[in-house]
Amino acid sequence: RTRMLRKFQICLCFFFISGILYEISLLSGCVFSYLPMAQQYLTPEQVLNLGKSIIFLETTERLEPSPLVSCSVESAARIYQDRPIILFMKGLTNETALDLNSSYAAFSLLSSMKNVFIFPLQMETVFQETPLLQWYNQVVPEQEKNWVHISSDASRLALIWKYGGIYMDTDVISIRPIPEESFLAAQKSRFSSNGIFGFPAHHQFLWDCMENFVLKYNGNIWGNQGPFLMTRMLKSICNLTDFKGTEDHSCHNISFLNPQRFYPIPYPAWSRYYQVWDKSPNFTHSYALHLWNFMNHNRKVVVAGSNTLAEKLYKAYCPTTYEDLIQNAQQRDLT
């Protein structure tokens, strides 16, 4: 009887491990047709090691994704259906994930998408084997006035360097696939954003950025470890020139993508996303749209029936978010 019980336990283990390997094989084959419940058994490393992930970060303690965050993740999941979409959340733990799934509509919505994964952001683990670990062990977050942004700037560099893929801010709405593998996004001529970029794993440019992050660290200057870092590192290897039209620039096999690709509406005009247009733009030359949430101090939101540009973008590129988090919320409020 003991021997039979032992054999039964071995068989159970075999089937469990086989199931996990099968799920991973589905992922590696770019097929996300498995049951959602199997996602909880996959670790961040297993998903990231597949490569070509689309990575989002939430470095506050916030646990309820806003409609804009949900729209960003959903739009990426729809545009890149053959790639894993990962949202890392600093306030999340492995123990709280299941509770949040039933507590927050946005969390449940995103968790139900076949190629979306939500993991805790564990910075000490992320910075292992990078130049950023020593800095992280020495810095005092409570004394850093820009810590939410700085920690995000560091985490995105380390994650893309380690695993490759594309990083996107959580206020970026994807509208068509980005055809480039190694790219930076020009916010304007001769100035790079770090709100969206992509590289294969272990790209030297990102390693150099991490070294410069530590060498030139100054947490009192907003963006010094973010867009200003990307810009000064690109300028160190490339002779940047102005964009004349909608062309992209290239240097050292890095594409420096035209501002039209992600920033057709520049940050001084950010509020235009929340206005009604006589004729909505078609964004023919854009891959994604950055909605400049950092500028949104008055917390403008998408309202059902407002006919703003942002509402039209939600309807087109994140329809589930629009229906579940905006239309349904408005109906509940009216009730």
Foldseek 3Di string as FASTA:
>chain_A
DVVVVVVVVVVVVVVVVVVLVVCLVCLLVLHLPDALVSLLVDDPCSQLQSFAEEEEEQLDLDDADDLLLLQQQQLCCVQCVSHAYEYEYQNDDSVCLVVSLVVYPSSVVQSRRRRYYYYYDDLCVLCPPALCNVVVVPDDLVPFPCNRQLSVLLSVLSSCQARWHKYAYSNKRFDHDDPAAAEFEALFFLWTFQRMGTHHHNDVLSRVLRVVCVVVPDRVDPCVSTRVSNSVSCVVQDDTDGDPDQDWDDGPNYIHGHSLAECPPHPVRLCQQVAADPDADPSPSYRIYRSPVVSPPVPDDDAPPRNGNNLVSCCVRVVVSCVRVHVVVVVVVVD
